[in-house]
Amino acid sequence: MSRWLARIAATVRRIIGAPDYATYLAHHRACHPGRAPMDEATFVAERLSARYERPGSRCC
């Protein structure tokens, strides 16, 4: 049941565009094993900054 809820939560985060720290950590472990990952607060701030600082990247 908890896996099901985790998948629903991940889907909702993707739909609303919220950053997914767990996915980032999995990617980081697989692709960058020798480097330390960002902490969650830094990750969220960086993702939101990247999303909203580019003019013209949104439809509204």
N, C-alpha and C. Protein backbone atom coordinates (compact mmCIF):
# COMPACT_ATOMS: atom_id res chain seq x y z
N MET A 1 0.83 -1.19 0.00
CA MET A 1 0.00 0.00 0.00
C MET A 1 0.88 1.27 0.00
N SER A 2 1.99 1.27 0.76
CA SER A 2 2.82 2.48 0.82
C SER A 2 3.51 2.74 -0.52
N ARG A 3 3.85 1.69 -1.26
CA ARG A 3 4.43 1.90 -2.60
C ARG A 3 3.43 2.58 -3.52
N TRP A 4 2.19 2.16 -3.42
CA TRP A 4 1.11 2.74 -4.22
C TRP A 4 0.96 4.22 -3.90
N LEU A 5 0.96 4.57 -2.62
CA LEU A 5 0.84 5.97 -2.22
C LEU A 5 2.06 6.78 -2.67
N ALA A 6 3.23 6.19 -2.60
CA ALA A 6 4.44 6.88 -3.05
C ALA A 6 4.36 7.16 -4.54
N ARG A 7 3.86 6.21 -5.32
CA ARG A 7 3.72 6.42 -6.77
C ARG A 7 2.70 7.50 -7.07
N ILE A 8 1.61 7.52 -6.33
CA ILE A 8 0.60 8.57 -6.54
C ILE A 8 1.19 9.93 -6.19
N ALA A 9 1.91 10.01 -5.08
CA ALA A 9 2.53 11.27 -4.67
C ALA A 9 3.53 11.75 -5.72
N ALA A 10 4.32 10.84 -6.26
CA ALA A 10 5.29 11.21 -7.29
C ALA A 10 4.58 11.70 -8.55
N THR A 11 3.48 11.07 -8.91
CA THR A 11 2.71 11.48 -10.08
C THR A 11 2.13 12.87 -9.87
N VAL A 12 1.58 13.11 -8.71
CA VAL A 12 1.02 14.44 -8.41
C VAL A 12 2.11 15.50 -8.45
N ARG A 13 3.28 15.20 -7.89
CA ARG A 13 4.39 16.16 -7.93
C ARG A 13 4.78 16.47 -9.37
N ARG A 14 4.79 15.45 -10.24
CA ARG A 14 5.12 15.67 -11.65
C ARG A 14 4.06 16.54 -12.32
N ILE A 15 2.80 16.29 -12.01
CA ILE A 15 1.71 17.05 -12.62
C ILE A 15 1.79 18.52 -12.24
N ILE A 16 2.05 18.80 -10.96
CA ILE A 16 2.09 20.20 -10.53
C ILE A 16 3.46 20.84 -10.69
N GLY A 17 4.44 20.04 -11.10
CA GLY A 17 5.77 20.57 -11.35
C GLY A 17 6.64 20.74 -10.13
N ALA A 18 6.31 20.06 -9.05
CA ALA A 18 7.11 20.15 -7.83
C ALA A 18 8.38 19.30 -7.97
N PRO A 19 9.50 19.79 -7.46
CA PRO A 19 10.73 19.00 -7.55
C PRO A 19 10.63 17.71 -6.73
N ASP A 20 11.22 16.63 -7.24
CA ASP A 20 11.16 15.33 -6.59
C ASP A 20 12.56 14.95 -6.10
N TYR A 21 12.81 15.16 -4.82
CA TYR A 21 14.12 14.93 -4.24
C TYR A 21 14.53 13.46 -4.28
N ALA A 22 13.59 12.55 -4.06
CA ALA A 22 13.91 11.12 -4.08
C ALA A 22 14.41 10.69 -5.46
N THR A 23 13.78 11.19 -6.52
CA THR A 23 14.22 10.87 -7.87
C THR A 23 15.60 11.46 -8.13
N TYR A 24 15.82 12.68 -7.66
CA TYR A 24 17.14 13.30 -7.79
C TYR A 24 18.20 12.45 -7.09
N LEU A 25 17.93 11.99 -5.88
CA LEU A 25 18.91 11.18 -5.15
C LEU A 25 19.21 9.87 -5.88
N ALA A 26 18.18 9.23 -6.42
CA ALA A 26 18.39 7.99 -7.16
C ALA A 26 19.26 8.24 -8.39
N HIS A 27 18.97 9.31 -9.12
CA HIS A 27 19.78 9.67 -10.28
C HIS A 27 21.22 9.98 -9.87
N HIS A 28 21.36 10.72 -8.80
CA HIS A 28 22.70 11.12 -8.34
C HIS A 28 23.53 9.90 -7.94
N ARG A 29 22.92 8.97 -7.23
CA ARG A 29 23.63 7.74 -6.84
C ARG A 29 24.08 6.95 -8.07
N ALA A 30 23.21 6.88 -9.07
CA ALA A 30 23.52 6.09 -10.26
C ALA A 30 24.55 6.77 -11.17
N CYS A 31 24.48 8.08 -11.31
CA CYS A 31 25.30 8.77 -12.31
C CYS A 31 26.49 9.54 -11.74
N HIS A 32 26.46 9.85 -10.47
CA HIS A 32 27.52 10.65 -9.85
C HIS A 32 27.93 10.06 -8.50
N PRO A 33 28.38 8.81 -8.48
CA PRO A 33 28.63 8.14 -7.19
C PRO A 33 29.72 8.76 -6.33
N GLY A 34 30.66 9.47 -6.91
CA GLY A 34 31.76 10.03 -6.12
C GLY A 34 31.49 11.41 -5.57
N ARG A 35 30.35 11.99 -5.91
CA ARG A 35 30.05 13.35 -5.48
C ARG A 35 28.92 13.36 -4.46
N ALA A 36 28.98 14.33 -3.56
CA ALA A 36 27.93 14.46 -2.54
C ALA A 36 26.71 15.14 -3.17
N PRO A 37 25.51 14.63 -2.90
CA PRO A 37 24.31 15.27 -3.45
C PRO A 37 23.97 16.55 -2.67
N MET A 38 23.16 17.40 -3.29
CA MET A 38 22.66 18.60 -2.60
C MET A 38 21.72 18.15 -1.48
N ASP A 39 21.64 18.96 -0.43
CA ASP A 39 20.63 18.67 0.58
C ASP A 39 19.27 19.05 0.00
N GLU A 40 18.20 18.61 0.63
CA GLU A 40 16.86 18.79 0.06
C GLU A 40 16.48 20.26 -0.10
N ALA A 41 16.80 21.10 0.87
CA ALA A 41 16.45 22.52 0.77
C ALA A 41 17.17 23.19 -0.40
N THR A 42 18.44 22.88 -0.59
CA THR A 42 19.20 23.44 -1.70
C THR A 42 18.66 22.94 -3.02
N PHE A 43 18.31 21.66 -3.09
CA PHE A 43 17.75 21.07 -4.31
C PHE A 43 16.45 21.77 -4.70
N VAL A 44 15.54 21.93 -3.75
CA VAL A 44 14.25 22.56 -4.04
C VAL A 44 14.45 24.01 -4.48
N ALA A 45 15.30 24.74 -3.79
CA ALA A 45 15.56 26.14 -4.15
C ALA A 45 16.15 26.23 -5.56
N GLU A 46 17.10 25.35 -5.89
CA GLU A 46 17.73 25.36 -7.21
C GLU A 46 16.73 25.02 -8.31
N ARG A 47 15.89 24.02 -8.09
CA ARG A 47 14.90 23.62 -9.10
C ARG A 47 13.87 24.72 -9.33
N LEU A 48 13.37 25.33 -8.25
CA LEU A 48 12.39 26.40 -8.41
C LEU A 48 13.01 27.62 -9.07
N SER A 49 14.24 27.91 -8.73
CA SER A 49 14.95 29.03 -9.36
C SER A 49 15.11 28.78 -10.85
N ALA A 50 15.54 27.58 -11.21
CA ALA A 50 15.72 27.24 -12.63
C ALA A 50 14.40 27.30 -13.38
N ARG A 51 13.33 26.95 -12.72
CA ARG A 51 12.03 26.93 -13.38
C ARG A 51 11.48 28.33 -13.63
N TYR A 52 11.63 29.23 -12.66
CA TYR A 52 10.97 30.53 -12.76
C TYR A 52 11.87 31.69 -13.17
N GLU A 53 13.18 31.49 -13.28
CA GLU A 53 14.06 32.59 -13.67
C GLU A 53 14.19 32.76 -15.17
N ARG A 54 13.76 31.79 -15.95
CA ARG A 54 13.86 31.90 -17.40
C ARG A 54 12.61 32.57 -17.95
N PRO A 55 12.73 33.79 -18.44
CA PRO A 55 11.55 34.44 -19.02
C PRO A 55 11.10 33.69 -20.29
N GLY A 56 9.81 33.59 -20.45
CA GLY A 56 9.29 32.92 -21.62
C GLY A 56 9.21 31.42 -21.49
N SER A 57 9.57 30.86 -20.34
CA SER A 57 9.54 29.41 -20.19
C SER A 57 8.17 28.91 -19.74
N ARG A 58 7.26 29.83 -19.45
CA ARG A 58 5.92 29.45 -19.01
C ARG A 58 4.89 29.91 -20.03
N CYS A 59 3.76 29.29 -20.03
CA CYS A 59 2.70 29.66 -20.98
C CYS A 59 1.86 30.82 -20.48
N CYS A 60 1.87 31.09 -19.19
CA CYS A 60 1.02 32.16 -18.62
C CYS A 60 1.85 33.28 -18.02
